Amino acid sequence: ASIGFFVAGAISPWLTGGIFAIPGLVIGAILFVLAIITAWRT
């Protein structure tokens, strides 16, 4: 899911004028950190 948000943020400048670039990075980063924490604990 994090990869999906990162890629959506990367292609956002061409599709939507960049409106999703920052939110894609932020949401992707939150999911990335969540995945690291849960994987480390497991």
PDB file of all heavy atoms in Angstrom:
ATOM      1  N   ALA A   1       0.832  -1.207   0.000  1.00  0.00           N
ATOM      2  CA  ALA A   1       0.000   0.000   0.000  1.00  0.00           C
ATOM      3  C   ALA A   1       0.863   1.251   0.000  1.00  0.00           C
ATOM      4  O   ALA A   1       0.568   2.230  -0.697  1.00  0.00           O
ATOM      5  CB  ALA A   1      -0.917  -0.003   1.223  1.00  0.00           C
ATOM      6  N   SER A   2       1.954   1.202   0.753  1.00  0.00           N
ATOM      7  CA  SER A   2       2.868   2.336   0.792  1.00  0.00           C
ATOM      8  C   SER A   2       3.484   2.584  -0.582  1.00  0.00           C
ATOM      9  O   SER A   2       3.595   3.728  -1.027  1.00  0.00           O
ATOM     10  CB  SER A   2       3.913   2.050   1.862  1.00  0.00           C
ATOM     11  OG  SER A   2       5.165   2.457   1.535  1.00  0.00           O
ATOM     12  N   ILE A   3       3.869   1.515  -1.273  1.00  0.00           N
ATOM     13  CA  ILE A   3       4.412   1.648  -2.629  1.00  0.00           C
ATOM     14  C   ILE A   3       3.381   2.286  -3.546  1.00  0.00           C
ATOM     15  O   ILE A   3       3.700   3.161  -4.352  1.00  0.00           O
ATOM     16  CB  ILE A   3       4.867   0.278  -3.168  1.00  0.00           C
ATOM     17  CG1 ILE A   3       6.086  -0.223  -2.398  1.00  0.00           C
ATOM     18  CG2 ILE A   3       5.183   0.342  -4.659  1.00  0.00           C
ATOM     19  CD1 ILE A   3       6.419  -1.679  -2.641  1.00  0.00           C
ATOM     20  N   GLY A   4       2.130   1.869  -3.413  1.00  0.00           N
ATOM     21  CA  GLY A   4       1.066   2.442  -4.233  1.00  0.00           C
ATOM     22  C   GLY A   4       0.917   3.948  -4.034  1.00  0.00           C
ATOM     23  O   GLY A   4       0.774   4.699  -4.991  1.00  0.00           O
ATOM     24  N   PHE A   5       0.963   4.385  -2.779  1.00  0.00           N
ATOM     25  CA  PHE A   5       0.853   5.822  -2.512  1.00  0.00           C
ATOM     26  C   PHE A   5       2.071   6.580  -3.013  1.00  0.00           C
ATOM     27  O   PHE A   5       1.955   7.686  -3.537  1.00  0.00           O
ATOM     28  CB  PHE A   5       0.632   6.087  -1.018  1.00  0.00           C
ATOM     29  CG  PHE A   5      -0.802   5.953  -0.606  1.00  0.00           C
ATOM     30  CD1 PHE A   5      -1.234   4.828   0.070  1.00  0.00           C
ATOM     31  CD2 PHE A   5      -1.709   6.952  -0.901  1.00  0.00           C
ATOM     32  CE1 PHE A   5      -2.557   4.701   0.447  1.00  0.00           C
ATOM     33  CE2 PHE A   5      -3.035   6.844  -0.522  1.00  0.00           C
ATOM     34  CZ  PHE A   5      -3.463   5.712   0.150  1.00  0.00           C
ATOM     35  N   PHE A   6       3.261   5.986  -2.848  1.00  0.00           N
ATOM     36  CA  PHE A   6       4.468   6.648  -3.354  1.00  0.00           C
ATOM     37  C   PHE A   6       4.415   6.806  -4.873  1.00  0.00           C
ATOM     38  O   PHE A   6       4.744   7.858  -5.414  1.00  0.00           O
ATOM     39  CB  PHE A   6       5.721   5.861  -2.964  1.00  0.00           C
ATOM     40  CG  PHE A   6       6.088   5.950  -1.511  1.00  0.00           C
ATOM     41  CD1 PHE A   6       6.622   4.856  -0.852  1.00  0.00           C
ATOM     42  CD2 PHE A   6       5.923   7.124  -0.799  1.00  0.00           C
ATOM     43  CE1 PHE A   6       6.983   4.921   0.477  1.00  0.00           C
ATOM     44  CE2 PHE A   6       6.275   7.212   0.539  1.00  0.00           C
ATOM     45  CZ  PHE A   6       6.807   6.095   1.182  1.00  0.00           C
ATOM     46  N   VAL A   7       3.995   5.760  -5.567  1.00  0.00           N
ATOM     47  CA  VAL A   7       3.918   5.828  -7.033  1.00  0.00           C
ATOM     48  C   VAL A   7       2.831   6.813  -7.466  1.00  0.00           C
ATOM     49  O   VAL A   7       3.017   7.582  -8.410  1.00  0.00           O
ATOM     50  CB  VAL A   7       3.693   4.426  -7.637  1.00  0.00           C
ATOM     51  CG1 VAL A   7       3.374   4.499  -9.109  1.00  0.00           C
ATOM     52  CG2 VAL A   7       4.930   3.557  -7.413  1.00  0.00           C
ATOM     53  N   ALA A   8       1.705   6.800  -6.747  1.00  0.00           N
ATOM     54  CA  ALA A   8       0.645   7.767  -7.075  1.00  0.00           C
ATOM     55  C   ALA A   8       1.147   9.196  -6.893  1.00  0.00           C
ATOM     56  O   ALA A   8       0.853  10.080  -7.705  1.00  0.00           O
ATOM     57  CB  ALA A   8      -0.575   7.522  -6.193  1.00  0.00           C
ATOM     58  N   GLY A   9       1.925   9.424  -5.848  1.00  0.00           N
ATOM     59  CA  GLY A   9       2.507  10.748  -5.646  1.00  0.00           C
ATOM     60  C   GLY A   9       3.528  11.097  -6.720  1.00  0.00           C
ATOM     61  O   GLY A   9       3.678  12.253  -7.102  1.00  0.00           O
ATOM     62  N   ALA A  10       4.225  10.079  -7.229  1.00  0.00           N
ATOM     63  CA  ALA A  10       5.245  10.324  -8.258  1.00  0.00           C
ATOM     64  C   ALA A  10       4.629  10.680  -9.606  1.00  0.00           C
ATOM     65  O   ALA A  10       5.150  11.526 -10.329  1.00  0.00           O
ATOM     66  CB  ALA A  10       6.131   9.091  -8.407  1.00  0.00           C
ATOM     67  N   ILE A  11       3.509  10.039  -9.947  1.00  0.00           N
ATOM     68  CA  ILE A  11       2.889  10.325 -11.254  1.00  0.00           C
ATOM     69  C   ILE A  11       1.864  11.452 -11.171  1.00  0.00           C
ATOM     70  O   ILE A  11       1.339  11.885 -12.187  1.00  0.00           O
ATOM     71  CB  ILE A  11       2.253   9.070 -11.872  1.00  0.00           C
ATOM     72  CG1 ILE A  11       1.122   8.528 -11.009  1.00  0.00           C
ATOM     73  CG2 ILE A  11       3.303   8.007 -12.132  1.00  0.00           C
ATOM     74  CD1 ILE A  11       0.367   7.385 -11.635  1.00  0.00           C
ATOM     75  N   SER A  12       1.608  11.928  -9.958  1.00  0.00           N
ATOM     76  CA  SER A  12       0.630  12.987  -9.767  1.00  0.00           C
ATOM     77  C   SER A  12       0.910  14.265 -10.561  1.00  0.00           C
ATOM     78  O   SER A  12      -0.034  14.867 -11.075  1.00  0.00           O
ATOM     79  CB  SER A  12       0.520  13.311  -8.285  1.00  0.00           C
ATOM     80  OG  SER A  12      -0.317  14.393  -8.053  1.00  0.00           O
ATOM     81  N   PRO A  13       2.166  14.710 -10.694  1.00  0.00           N
ATOM     82  CA  PRO A  13       2.384  15.952 -11.451  1.00  0.00           C
ATOM     83  C   PRO A  13       1.896  15.885 -12.901  1.00  0.00           C
ATOM     84  O   PRO A  13       1.468  16.886 -13.451  1.00  0.00           O
ATOM     85  CB  PRO A  13       3.902  16.140 -11.403  1.00  0.00           C
ATOM     86  CG  PRO A  13       4.318  15.461 -10.149  1.00  0.00           C
ATOM     87  CD  PRO A  13       3.392  14.285 -10.012  1.00  0.00           C
ATOM     88  N   TRP A  14       1.928  14.709 -13.495  1.00  0.00           N
ATOM     89  CA  TRP A  14       1.476  14.591 -14.882  1.00  0.00           C
ATOM     90  C   TRP A  14      -0.030  14.371 -14.990  1.00  0.00           C
ATOM     91  O   TRP A  14      -0.640  14.762 -15.967  1.00  0.00           O
ATOM     92  CB  TRP A  14       2.207  13.444 -15.578  1.00  0.00           C
ATOM     93  CG  TRP A  14       3.657  13.730 -15.710  1.00  0.00           C
ATOM     94  CD1 TRP A  14       4.235  14.647 -16.544  1.00  0.00           C
ATOM     95  CD2 TRP A  14       4.705  13.157 -14.957  1.00  0.00           C
ATOM     96  NE1 TRP A  14       5.592  14.650 -16.355  1.00  0.00           N
ATOM     97  CE2 TRP A  14       5.911  13.753 -15.387  1.00  0.00           C
ATOM     98  CE3 TRP A  14       4.755  12.193 -13.946  1.00  0.00           C
ATOM     99  CZ2 TRP A  14       7.146  13.408 -14.858  1.00  0.00           C
ATOM    100  CZ3 TRP A  14       5.987  11.853 -13.425  1.00  0.00           C
ATOM    101  CH2 TRP A  14       7.157  12.460 -13.886  1.00  0.00           C
ATOM    102  N   LEU A  15      -0.621  13.743 -13.996  1.00  0.00           N
ATOM    103  CA  LEU A  15      -2.050  13.425 -14.092  1.00  0.00           C
ATOM    104  C   LEU A  15      -2.945  14.490 -13.473  1.00  0.00           C
ATOM    105  O   LEU A  15      -4.006  14.797 -14.015  1.00  0.00           O
ATOM    106  CB  LEU A  15      -2.323  12.073 -13.418  1.00  0.00           C
ATOM    107  CG  LEU A  15      -1.648  10.866 -14.052  1.00  0.00           C
ATOM    108  CD1 LEU A  15      -1.992   9.609 -13.264  1.00  0.00           C
ATOM    109  CD2 LEU A  15      -2.075  10.703 -15.496  1.00  0.00           C
ATOM    110  N   THR A  16      -2.547  15.018 -12.323  1.00  0.00           N
ATOM    111  CA  THR A  16      -3.435  15.938 -11.604  1.00  0.00           C
ATOM    112  C   THR A  16      -2.792  17.288 -11.330  1.00  0.00           C
ATOM    113  O   THR A  16      -3.296  18.050 -10.513  1.00  0.00           O
ATOM    114  CB  THR A  16      -3.863  15.320 -10.258  1.00  0.00           C
ATOM    115  OG1 THR A  16      -2.694  15.131  -9.456  1.00  0.00           O
ATOM    116  CG2 THR A  16      -4.590  14.014 -10.448  1.00  0.00           C
ATOM    117  N   GLY A  17      -1.682  17.567 -11.946  1.00  0.00           N
ATOM    118  CA  GLY A  17      -1.011  18.834 -11.699  1.00  0.00           C
ATOM    119  C   GLY A  17      -0.251  18.870 -10.384  1.00  0.00           C
ATOM    120  O   GLY A  17       0.078  19.928  -9.886  1.00  0.00           O
ATOM    121  N   GLY A  18       0.008  17.723  -9.799  1.00  0.00           N
ATOM    122  CA  GLY A  18       0.808  17.648  -8.583  1.00  0.00           C
ATOM    123  C   GLY A  18       0.048  17.737  -7.288  1.00  0.00           C
ATOM    124  O   GLY A  18       0.648  17.829  -6.224  1.00  0.00           O
ATOM    125  N   ILE A  19      -1.281  17.681  -7.357  1.00  0.00           N
ATOM    126  CA  ILE A  19      -2.079  17.858  -6.142  1.00  0.00           C
ATOM    127  C   ILE A  19      -1.907  16.703  -5.153  1.00  0.00           C
ATOM    128  O   ILE A  19      -2.116  16.870  -3.960  1.00  0.00           O
ATOM    129  CB  ILE A  19      -3.564  18.058  -6.507  1.00  0.00           C
ATOM    130  CG1 ILE A  19      -4.317  18.663  -5.346  1.00  0.00           C
ATOM    131  CG2 ILE A  19      -4.193  16.763  -6.949  1.00  0.00           C
ATOM    132  CD1 ILE A  19      -5.670  19.187  -5.711  1.00  0.00           C
ATOM    133  N   PHE A  20      -1.479  15.536  -5.624  1.00  0.00           N
ATOM    134  CA  PHE A  20      -1.362  14.369  -4.744  1.00  0.00           C
ATOM    135  C   PHE A  20       0.088  14.042  -4.403  1.00  0.00           C
ATOM    136  O   PHE A  20       0.359  13.058  -3.732  1.00  0.00           O
ATOM    137  CB  PHE A  20      -2.038  13.162  -5.418  1.00  0.00           C
ATOM    138  CG  PHE A  20      -2.279  12.018  -4.489  1.00  0.00           C
ATOM    139  CD1 PHE A  20      -3.140  12.152  -3.415  1.00  0.00           C
ATOM    140  CD2 PHE A  20      -1.649  10.805  -4.679  1.00  0.00           C
ATOM    141  CE1 PHE A  20      -3.354  11.099  -2.549  1.00  0.00           C
ATOM    142  CE2 PHE A  20      -1.862   9.751  -3.824  1.00  0.00           C
ATOM    143  CZ  PHE A  20      -2.723   9.893  -2.756  1.00  0.00           C
ATOM    144  N   ALA A  21       1.031  14.854  -4.816  1.00  0.00           N
ATOM    145  CA  ALA A  21       2.449  14.542  -4.589  1.00  0.00           C
ATOM    146  C   ALA A  21       2.799  14.528  -3.101  1.00  0.00           C
ATOM    147  O   ALA A  21       3.381  13.561  -2.610  1.00  0.00           O
ATOM    148  CB  ALA A  21       3.330  15.526  -5.333  1.00  0.00           C
ATOM    149  N   ILE A  22       2.455  15.566  -2.374  1.00  0.00           N
ATOM    150  CA  ILE A  22       2.780  15.635  -0.942  1.00  0.00           C
ATOM    151  C   ILE A  22       1.920  14.654  -0.126  1.00  0.00           C
ATOM    152  O   ILE A  22       2.458  13.900   0.681  1.00  0.00           O
ATOM    153  CB  ILE A  22       2.629  17.076  -0.406  1.00  0.00           C
ATOM    154  CG1 ILE A  22       3.545  18.030  -1.155  1.00  0.00           C
ATOM    155  CG2 ILE A  22       2.877  17.129   1.090  1.00  0.00           C
ATOM    156  CD1 ILE A  22       5.011  17.828  -0.903  1.00  0.00           C
ATOM    157  N   PRO A  23       0.591  14.615  -0.317  1.00  0.00           N
ATOM    158  CA  PRO A  23      -0.192  13.631   0.436  1.00  0.00           C
ATOM    159  C   PRO A  23       0.219  12.192   0.145  1.00  0.00           C
ATOM    160  O   PRO A  23       0.226  11.352   1.051  1.00  0.00           O
ATOM    161  CB  PRO A  23      -1.637  13.886  -0.011  1.00  0.00           C
ATOM    162  CG  PRO A  23      -1.643  15.281  -0.486  1.00  0.00           C
ATOM    163  CD  PRO A  23      -0.283  15.522  -1.062  1.00  0.00           C
ATOM    164  N   GLY A  24       0.591  11.897  -1.090  1.00  0.00           N
ATOM    165  CA  GLY A  24       1.051  10.549  -1.421  1.00  0.00           C
ATOM    166  C   GLY A  24       2.311  10.196  -0.660  1.00  0.00           C
ATOM    167  O   GLY A  24       2.468   9.079  -0.164  1.00  0.00           O
ATOM    168  N   LEU A  25       3.210  11.158  -0.541  1.00  0.00           N
ATOM    169  CA  LEU A  25       4.454  10.935   0.199  1.00  0.00           C
ATOM    170  C   LEU A  25       4.179  10.761   1.689  1.00  0.00           C
ATOM    171  O   LEU A  25       4.724   9.862   2.330  1.00  0.00           O
ATOM    172  CB  LEU A  25       5.415  12.100  -0.034  1.00  0.00           C
ATOM    173  CG  LEU A  25       6.795  11.968   0.600  1.00  0.00           C
ATOM    174  CD1 LEU A  25       7.546  10.802   0.000  1.00  0.00           C
ATOM    175  CD2 LEU A  25       7.571  13.260   0.414  1.00  0.00           C
ATOM    176  N   VAL A  26       3.301  11.579   2.234  1.00  0.00           N
ATOM    177  CA  VAL A  26       3.011  11.519   3.672  1.00  0.00           C
ATOM    178  C   VAL A  26       2.288  10.223   4.032  1.00  0.00           C
ATOM    179  O   VAL A  26       2.675   9.515   4.974  1.00  0.00           O
ATOM    180  CB  VAL A  26       2.183  12.756   4.111  1.00  0.00           C
ATOM    181  CG1 VAL A  26       1.679  12.600   5.533  1.00  0.00           C
ATOM    182  CG2 VAL A  26       3.023  14.009   3.967  1.00  0.00           C
ATOM    183  N   ILE A  27       1.241   9.875   3.296  1.00  0.00           N
ATOM    184  CA  ILE A  27       0.488   8.651   3.584  1.00  0.00           C
ATOM    185  C   ILE A  27       1.376   7.426   3.364  1.00  0.00           C
ATOM    186  O   ILE A  27       1.363   6.481   4.154  1.00  0.00           O
ATOM    187  CB  ILE A  27      -0.793   8.584   2.722  1.00  0.00           C
ATOM    188  CG1 ILE A  27      -1.741   9.698   3.128  1.00  0.00           C
ATOM    189  CG2 ILE A  27      -1.475   7.231   2.876  1.00  0.00           C
ATOM    190  CD1 ILE A  27      -2.916   9.887   2.188  1.00  0.00           C
ATOM    191  N   GLY A  28       2.150   7.440   2.285  1.00  0.00           N
ATOM    192  CA  GLY A  28       3.075   6.339   2.038  1.00  0.00           C
ATOM    193  C   GLY A  28       4.092   6.193   3.154  1.00  0.00           C
ATOM    194  O   GLY A  28       4.417   5.083   3.573  1.00  0.00           O
ATOM    195  N   ALA A  29       4.602   7.316   3.660  1.00  0.00           N
ATOM    196  CA  ALA A  29       5.588   7.268   4.743  1.00  0.00           C
ATOM    197  C   ALA A  29       4.973   6.729   6.033  1.00  0.00           C
ATOM    198  O   ALA A  29       5.614   5.959   6.758  1.00  0.00           O
ATOM    199  CB  ALA A  29       6.170   8.655   4.978  1.00  0.00           C
ATOM    200  N   ILE A  30       3.737   7.104   6.316  1.00  0.00           N
ATOM    201  CA  ILE A  30       3.056   6.585   7.512  1.00  0.00           C
ATOM    202  C   ILE A  30       2.893   5.075   7.410  1.00  0.00           C
ATOM    203  O   ILE A  30       3.187   4.336   8.355  1.00  0.00           O
ATOM    204  CB  ILE A  30       1.690   7.287   7.707  1.00  0.00           C
ATOM    205  CG1 ILE A  30       1.910   8.742   8.120  1.00  0.00           C
ATOM    206  CG2 ILE A  30       0.843   6.554   8.745  1.00  0.00           C
ATOM    207  CD1 ILE A  30       0.650   9.584   8.086  1.00  0.00           C
ATOM    208  N   LEU A  31       2.448   4.594   6.263  1.00  0.00           N
ATOM    209  CA  LEU A  31       2.293   3.151   6.074  1.00  0.00           C
ATOM    210  C   LEU A  31       3.640   2.435   6.117  1.00  0.00           C
ATOM    211  O   LEU A  31       3.753   1.319   6.625  1.00  0.00           O
ATOM    212  CB  LEU A  31       1.579   2.860   4.758  1.00  0.00           C
ATOM    213  CG  LEU A  31       0.107   3.248   4.708  1.00  0.00           C
ATOM    214  CD1 LEU A  31      -0.440   3.096   3.298  1.00  0.00           C
ATOM    215  CD2 LEU A  31      -0.691   2.403   5.679  1.00  0.00           C
ATOM    216  N   PHE A  32       4.676   3.076   5.585  1.00  0.00           N
ATOM    217  CA  PHE A  32       6.022   2.515   5.591  1.00  0.00           C
ATOM    218  C   PHE A  32       6.513   2.321   7.021  1.00  0.00           C
ATOM    219  O   PHE A  32       7.005   1.255   7.387  1.00  0.00           O
ATOM    220  CB  PHE A  32       6.952   3.443   4.807  1.00  0.00           C
ATOM    221  CG  PHE A  32       8.340   2.923   4.601  1.00  0.00           C
ATOM    222  CD1 PHE A  32       8.599   1.994   3.612  1.00  0.00           C
ATOM    223  CD2 PHE A  32       9.390   3.379   5.381  1.00  0.00           C
ATOM    224  CE1 PHE A  32       9.876   1.514   3.405  1.00  0.00           C
ATOM    225  CE2 PHE A  32      10.667   2.914   5.178  1.00  0.00           C
ATOM    226  CZ  PHE A  32      10.919   1.975   4.195  1.00  0.00           C
ATOM    227  N   VAL A  33       6.357   3.338   7.853  1.00  0.00           N
ATOM    228  CA  VAL A  33       6.778   3.251   9.256  1.00  0.00           C
ATOM    229  C   VAL A  33       5.940   2.222  10.008  1.00  0.00           C
ATOM    230  O   VAL A  33       6.461   1.435  10.803  1.00  0.00           O
ATOM    231  CB  VAL A  33       6.705   4.639   9.929  1.00  0.00           C
ATOM    232  CG1 VAL A  33       6.881   4.547  11.433  1.00  0.00           C
ATOM    233  CG2 VAL A  33       7.746   5.567   9.325  1.00  0.00           C
ATOM    234  N   LEU A  34       4.653   2.194   9.745  1.00  0.00           N
ATOM    235  CA  LEU A  34       3.782   1.205  10.377  1.00  0.00           C
ATOM    236  C   LEU A  34       4.207  -0.210  10.013  1.00  0.00           C
ATOM    237  O   LEU A  34       4.242  -1.105  10.863  1.00  0.00           O
ATOM    238  CB  LEU A  34       2.327   1.455   9.965  1.00  0.00           C
ATOM    239  CG  LEU A  34       1.267   0.578  10.596  1.00  0.00           C
ATOM    240  CD1 LEU A  34       1.251   0.785  12.101  1.00  0.00           C
ATOM    241  CD2 LEU A  34      -0.084   0.877  10.001  1.00  0.00           C
ATOM    242  N   ALA A  35       4.568  -0.428   8.755  1.00  0.00           N
ATOM    243  CA  ALA A  35       5.017  -1.746   8.320  1.00  0.00           C
ATOM    244  C   ALA A  35       6.318  -2.135   9.001  1.00  0.00           C
ATOM    245  O   ALA A  35       6.492  -3.286   9.414  1.00  0.00           O
ATOM    246  CB  ALA A  35       5.193  -1.770   6.807  1.00  0.00           C
ATOM    247  N   ILE A  36       7.232  -1.200   9.141  1.00  0.00           N
ATOM    248  CA  ILE A  36       8.504  -1.500   9.811  1.00  0.00           C
ATOM    249  C   ILE A  36       8.272  -1.876  11.271  1.00  0.00           C
ATOM    250  O   ILE A  36       8.827  -2.860  11.767  1.00  0.00           O
ATOM    251  CB  ILE A  36       9.466  -0.304   9.701  1.00  0.00           C
ATOM    252  CG1 ILE A  36       9.942  -0.143   8.267  1.00  0.00           C
ATOM    253  CG2 ILE A  36      10.658  -0.474  10.632  1.00  0.00           C
ATOM    254  CD1 ILE A  36      10.745   1.103   8.016  1.00  0.00           C
ATOM    255  N   ILE A  37       7.435  -1.117  11.958  1.00  0.00           N
ATOM    256  CA  ILE A  37       7.187  -1.388  13.381  1.00  0.00           C
ATOM    257  C   ILE A  37       6.518  -2.748  13.562  1.00  0.00           C
ATOM    258  O   ILE A  37       6.949  -3.552  14.397  1.00  0.00           O
ATOM    259  CB  ILE A  37       6.323  -0.268  13.999  1.00  0.00           C
ATOM    260  CG1 ILE A  37       7.128   1.026  14.073  1.00  0.00           C
ATOM    261  CG2 ILE A  37       5.812  -0.657  15.379  1.00  0.00           C
ATOM    262  CD1 ILE A  37       6.302   2.240  14.426  1.00  0.00           C
ATOM    263  N   THR A  38       5.476  -3.020  12.800  1.00  0.00           N
ATOM    264  CA  THR A  38       4.773  -4.298  12.974  1.00  0.00           C
ATOM    265  C   THR A  38       5.640  -5.477  12.543  1.00  0.00           C
ATOM    266  O   THR A  38       5.609  -6.521  13.183  1.00  0.00           O
ATOM    267  CB  THR A  38       3.442  -4.310  12.201  1.00  0.00           C
ATOM    268  OG1 THR A  38       3.690  -4.039  10.830  1.00  0.00           O
ATOM    269  CG2 THR A  38       2.471  -3.310  12.764  1.00  0.00           C
ATOM    270  N   ALA A  39       6.415  -5.335  11.493  1.00  0.00           N
ATOM    271  CA  ALA A  39       7.291  -6.431  11.061  1.00  0.00           C
ATOM    272  C   ALA A  39       8.375  -6.688  12.096  1.00  0.00           C
ATOM    273  O   ALA A  39       8.696  -7.830  12.404  1.00  0.00           O
ATOM    274  CB  ALA A  39       7.912  -6.111   9.713  1.00  0.00           C
ATOM    275  N   TRP A  40       8.935  -5.626  12.652  1.00  0.00           N
ATOM    276  CA  TRP A  40       9.976  -5.781  13.666  1.00  0.00           C
ATOM    277  C   TRP A  40       9.434  -6.513  14.885  1.00  0.00           C
ATOM    278  O   TRP A  40      10.069  -7.426  15.413  1.00  0.00           O
ATOM    279  CB  TRP A  40      10.517  -4.409  14.053  1.00  0.00           C
ATOM    280  CG  TRP A  40      11.524  -4.463  15.144  1.00  0.00           C
ATOM    281  CD1 TRP A  40      12.790  -4.965  15.085  1.00  0.00           C
ATOM    282  CD2 TRP A  40      11.336  -4.011  16.483  1.00  0.00           C
ATOM    283  NE1 TRP A  40      13.405  -4.835  16.301  1.00  0.00           N
ATOM    284  CE2 TRP A  40      12.532  -4.251  17.183  1.00  0.00           C
ATOM    285  CE3 TRP A  40      10.275  -3.410  17.147  1.00  0.00           C
ATOM    286  CZ2 TRP A  40      12.688  -3.927  18.519  1.00  0.00           C
ATOM    287  CZ3 TRP A  40      10.439  -3.079  18.477  1.00  0.00           C
ATOM    288  CH2 TRP A  40      11.632  -3.343  19.141  1.00  0.00           C
ATOM    289  N   ARG A  41       8.249  -6.132  15.325  1.00  0.00           N
ATOM    290  CA  ARG A  41       7.642  -6.798  16.492  1.00  0.00           C
ATOM    291  C   ARG A  41       7.326  -8.251  16.198  1.00  0.00           C
ATOM    292  O   ARG A  41       7.585  -9.127  17.017  1.00  0.00           O
ATOM    293  CB  ARG A  41       6.369  -6.059  16.909  1.00  0.00           C
ATOM    294  CG  ARG A  41       6.655  -4.681  17.483  1.00  0.00           C
ATOM    295  CD  ARG A  41       5.412  -3.951  17.885  1.00  0.00           C
ATOM    296  NE  ARG A  41       4.791  -4.642  19.005  1.00  0.00           N
ATOM    297  CZ  ARG A  41       3.503  -4.624  19.260  1.00  0.00           C
ATOM    298  NH1 ARG A  41       2.695  -3.933  18.484  1.00  0.00           N
ATOM    299  NH2 ARG A  41       3.008  -5.269  20.287  1.00  0.00           N
ATOM    300  N   THR A  42       6.777  -8.525  15.006  1.00  0.00           N
ATOM    301  CA  THR A  42       6.415  -9.892  14.652  1.00  0.00           C
ATOM    302  C   THR A  42       7.653 -10.774  14.521  1.00  0.00           C
ATOM    303  O   THR A  42       7.699 -11.885  15.061  1.00  0.00           O
ATOM    304  CB  THR A  42       5.628  -9.911  13.324  1.00  0.00           C
ATOM    305  OG1 THR A  42       4.486  -9.080  13.472  1.00  0.00           O
ATOM    306  CG2 THR A  42       5.194 -11.304  12.969  1.00  0.00           C
TER     307      THR A  42
END
